[in-house]
Amino acid sequence: PTSPLEATQARLSELEGQQASLEEEFRGVVTASTAVAQAISPRHAPAEEYDVGARLLESELAKLSKQLATQLDEHSAALANLRVRTESQEQRLSAAGDRLEKLVAPTLEA
């Protein structure tokens, strides 16, 4: 029985953790791509090795891009779900407040 605000904050923390994980993975890909680029420098490697490294880098970037797009879609859906749940909870609380006011107001006026 947590409040909608606590649930929203918990979900936000979870999404921030996922984002941090993705950022770390992205840094790893950048580091790997830098290492590949240095290893296949045109001064030291034939063009074939450079092409292989470039294809490897493109493949890794495409995979990362797909993962990021999927997670972004998941985050968008999760946030939309939280927004709907929060709005419905707000409506229920407002209705309960109105009912309580109708019950208490006549007593206070008397």
C-alpha atoms as a PDB file:
ATOM      1  CA  PRO A   1       0.000   0.000   0.000  1.00  0.00           C
ATOM      2  CA  THR A   2       2.385   2.709  -1.170  1.00  0.00           C
ATOM      3  CA  SER A   3       1.173   6.091  -2.274  1.00  0.00           C
ATOM      4  CA  PRO A   4       1.135   6.989  -5.983  1.00  0.00           C
ATOM      5  CA  LEU A   5       3.908   9.510  -5.349  1.00  0.00           C
ATOM      6  CA  GLU A   6       6.122   6.871  -3.733  1.00  0.00           C
ATOM      7  CA  ALA A   7       5.397   4.435  -6.562  1.00  0.00           C
ATOM      8  CA  THR A   8       6.229   7.113  -9.128  1.00  0.00           C
ATOM      9  CA  GLN A   9       9.452   7.997  -7.337  1.00  0.00           C
ATOM     10  CA  ALA A  10      10.450   4.333  -7.107  1.00  0.00           C
ATOM     11  CA  ARG A  11       9.775   3.796 -10.817  1.00  0.00           C
ATOM     12  CA  LEU A  12      11.695   6.960 -11.681  1.00  0.00           C
ATOM     13  CA  SER A  13      14.656   5.736  -9.643  1.00  0.00           C
ATOM     14  CA  GLU A  14      14.510   2.415 -11.464  1.00  0.00           C
ATOM     15  CA  LEU A  15      14.449   4.147 -14.854  1.00  0.00           C
ATOM     16  CA  GLU A  16      17.366   6.380 -13.850  1.00  0.00           C
ATOM     17  CA  GLY A  17      19.330   3.262 -12.908  1.00  0.00           C
ATOM     18  CA  GLN A  18      18.601   1.739 -16.315  1.00  0.00           C
ATOM     19  CA  GLN A  19      19.693   4.947 -18.000  1.00  0.00           C
ATOM     20  CA  ALA A  20      22.964   4.961 -16.043  1.00  0.00           C
ATOM     21  CA  SER A  21      23.556   1.354 -17.091  1.00  0.00           C
ATOM     22  CA  LEU A  22      22.971   2.231 -20.740  1.00  0.00           C
ATOM     23  CA  GLU A  23      25.288   5.220 -20.495  1.00  0.00           C
ATOM     24  CA  GLU A  24      27.997   2.977 -19.062  1.00  0.00           C
ATOM     25  CA  GLU A  25      27.471   0.476 -21.881  1.00  0.00           C
ATOM     26  CA  PHE A  26      27.660   3.306 -24.408  1.00  0.00           C
ATOM     27  CA  ARG A  27      30.960   4.474 -22.893  1.00  0.00           C
ATOM     28  CA  GLY A  28      32.237   0.918 -23.266  1.00  0.00           C
ATOM     29  CA  VAL A  29      31.302   0.876 -26.940  1.00  0.00           C
ATOM     30  CA  VAL A  30      32.997   4.238 -27.484  1.00  0.00           C
ATOM     31  CA  THR A  31      36.131   2.981 -25.729  1.00  0.00           C
ATOM     32  CA  ALA A  32      36.105  -0.202 -27.804  1.00  0.00           C
ATOM     33  CA  SER A  33      35.591   1.745 -31.016  1.00  0.00           C
ATOM     34  CA  THR A  34      38.482   4.031 -30.148  1.00  0.00           C
ATOM     35  CA  ALA A  35      40.680   1.002 -29.509  1.00  0.00           C
ATOM     36  CA  VAL A  36      39.604  -0.543 -32.818  1.00  0.00           C
ATOM     37  CA  ALA A  37      40.253   2.713 -34.668  1.00  0.00           C
ATOM     38  CA  GLN A  38      43.722   2.984 -33.151  1.00  0.00           C
ATOM     39  CA  ALA A  39      44.487  -0.670 -33.840  1.00  0.00           C
ATOM     40  CA  ILE A  40      43.575  -0.373 -37.489  1.00  0.00           C
ATOM     41  CA  SER A  41      45.116   2.984 -38.178  1.00  0.00           C
ATOM     42  CA  PRO A  42      45.701   3.441 -41.943  1.00  0.00           C
ATOM     43  CA  ARG A  43      49.415   3.960 -41.308  1.00  0.00           C
ATOM     44  CA  HIS A  44      49.809   0.497 -39.800  1.00  0.00           C
ATOM     45  CA  ALA A  45      47.117  -1.657 -41.346  1.00  0.00           C
ATOM     46  CA  PRO A  46      45.974  -2.509 -44.842  1.00  0.00           C
ATOM     47  CA  ALA A  47      42.642  -1.191 -46.080  1.00  0.00           C
ATOM     48  CA  GLU A  48      40.985  -4.586 -45.566  1.00  0.00           C
ATOM     49  CA  GLU A  49      41.586  -4.489 -41.823  1.00  0.00           C
ATOM     50  CA  TYR A  50      40.324  -0.932 -41.694  1.00  0.00           C
ATOM     51  CA  ASP A  51      37.107  -2.016 -43.454  1.00  0.00           C
ATOM     52  CA  VAL A  52      36.652  -4.914 -41.021  1.00  0.00           C
ATOM     53  CA  GLY A  53      37.103  -2.574 -38.074  1.00  0.00           C
ATOM     54  CA  ALA A  54      34.699  -0.036 -39.540  1.00  0.00           C
ATOM     55  CA  ARG A  55      32.065  -2.746 -40.109  1.00  0.00           C
ATOM     56  CA  LEU A  56      32.559  -4.001 -36.560  1.00  0.00           C
ATOM     57  CA  LEU A  57      32.131  -0.486 -35.225  1.00  0.00           C
ATOM     58  CA  GLU A  58      29.016   0.085 -37.348  1.00  0.00           C
ATOM     59  CA  SER A  59      27.559  -3.195 -36.117  1.00  0.00           C
ATOM     60  CA  GLU A  60      28.175  -2.323 -32.462  1.00  0.00           C
ATOM     61  CA  LEU A  61      26.714   1.156 -32.892  1.00  0.00           C
ATOM     62  CA  ALA A  62      23.643  -0.231 -34.676  1.00  0.00           C
ATOM     63  CA  LYS A  63      23.114  -2.756 -31.872  1.00  0.00           C
ATOM     64  CA  LEU A  64      23.464  -0.051 -29.229  1.00  0.00           C
ATOM     65  CA  SER A  65      21.120   2.251 -31.131  1.00  0.00           C
ATOM     66  CA  LYS A  66      18.501  -0.503 -31.285  1.00  0.00           C
ATOM     67  CA  GLN A  67      18.842  -1.182 -27.549  1.00  0.00           C
ATOM     68  CA  LEU A  68      18.548   2.503 -26.721  1.00  0.00           C
ATOM     69  CA  ALA A  69      15.472   2.896 -28.931  1.00  0.00           C
ATOM     70  CA  THR A  70      13.828  -0.119 -27.299  1.00  0.00           C
ATOM     71  CA  GLN A  71      14.557   1.148 -23.809  1.00  0.00           C
ATOM     72  CA  LEU A  72      13.369   4.638 -24.704  1.00  0.00           C
ATOM     73  CA  ASP A  73      10.083   3.156 -25.922  1.00  0.00           C
ATOM     74  CA  GLU A  74       9.793   1.150 -22.695  1.00  0.00           C
ATOM     75  CA  HIS A  75      10.500   4.249 -20.597  1.00  0.00           C
ATOM     76  CA  SER A  76       7.949   6.283 -22.542  1.00  0.00           C
ATOM     77  CA  ALA A  77       5.315   3.594 -22.033  1.00  0.00           C
ATOM     78  CA  ALA A  78       6.156   3.316 -18.329  1.00  0.00           C
ATOM     79  CA  LEU A  79       5.925   7.079 -17.842  1.00  0.00           C
ATOM     80  CA  ALA A  80       2.611   7.232 -19.704  1.00  0.00           C
ATOM     81  CA  ASN A  81       1.303   4.433 -17.498  1.00  0.00           C
ATOM     82  CA  LEU A  82       2.431   6.265 -14.371  1.00  0.00           C
ATOM     83  CA  ARG A  83       0.808   9.456 -15.592  1.00  0.00           C
ATOM     84  CA  VAL A  84      -2.524   7.686 -16.154  1.00  0.00           C
ATOM     85  CA  ARG A  85      -2.373   5.983 -12.766  1.00  0.00           C
ATOM     86  CA  THR A  86      -1.464   9.233 -11.008  1.00  0.00           C
ATOM     87  CA  GLU A  87      -4.271  11.138 -12.721  1.00  0.00           C
ATOM     88  CA  SER A  88      -6.843   8.483 -11.830  1.00  0.00           C
ATOM     89  CA  GLN A  89      -5.618   8.460  -8.220  1.00  0.00           C
ATOM     90  CA  GLU A  90      -5.907  12.257  -8.153  1.00  0.00           C
ATOM     91  CA  GLN A  91      -9.479  12.044  -9.435  1.00  0.00           C
ATOM     92  CA  ARG A  92     -10.398   9.471  -6.772  1.00  0.00           C
ATOM     93  CA  LEU A  93      -8.863  11.613  -4.020  1.00  0.00           C
ATOM     94  CA  SER A  94     -10.660  14.702  -5.285  1.00  0.00           C
ATOM     95  CA  ALA A  95     -13.982  12.855  -5.367  1.00  0.00           C
ATOM     96  CA  ALA A  96     -13.396  11.549  -1.833  1.00  0.00           C
ATOM     97  CA  GLY A  97     -12.600  15.090  -0.684  1.00  0.00           C
ATOM     98  CA  ASP A  98     -15.797  16.400  -2.265  1.00  0.00           C
ATOM     99  CA  ARG A  99     -17.872  13.693  -0.571  1.00  0.00           C
ATOM    100  CA  LEU A 100     -16.219  14.398   2.781  1.00  0.00           C
ATOM    101  CA  GLU A 101     -16.860  18.114   2.371  1.00  0.00           C
ATOM    102  CA  LYS A 102     -20.559  17.452   1.666  1.00  0.00           C
ATOM    103  CA  LEU A 103     -20.786  15.409   4.837  1.00  0.00           C
ATOM    104  CA  VAL A 104     -18.880  17.811   7.087  1.00  0.00           C
ATOM    105  CA  ALA A 105     -20.140  21.162   5.730  1.00  0.00           C
ATOM    106  CA  PRO A 106     -23.729  20.881   7.091  1.00  0.00           C
ATOM    107  CA  THR A 107     -22.392  19.967  10.528  1.00  0.00           C
ATOM    108  CA  LEU A 108     -20.011  22.938  10.553  1.00  0.00           C
ATOM    109  CA  GLU A 109     -22.711  25.348   9.393  1.00  0.00           C
ATOM    110  CA  ALA A 110     -25.091  24.259  12.136  1.00  0.00           C
END
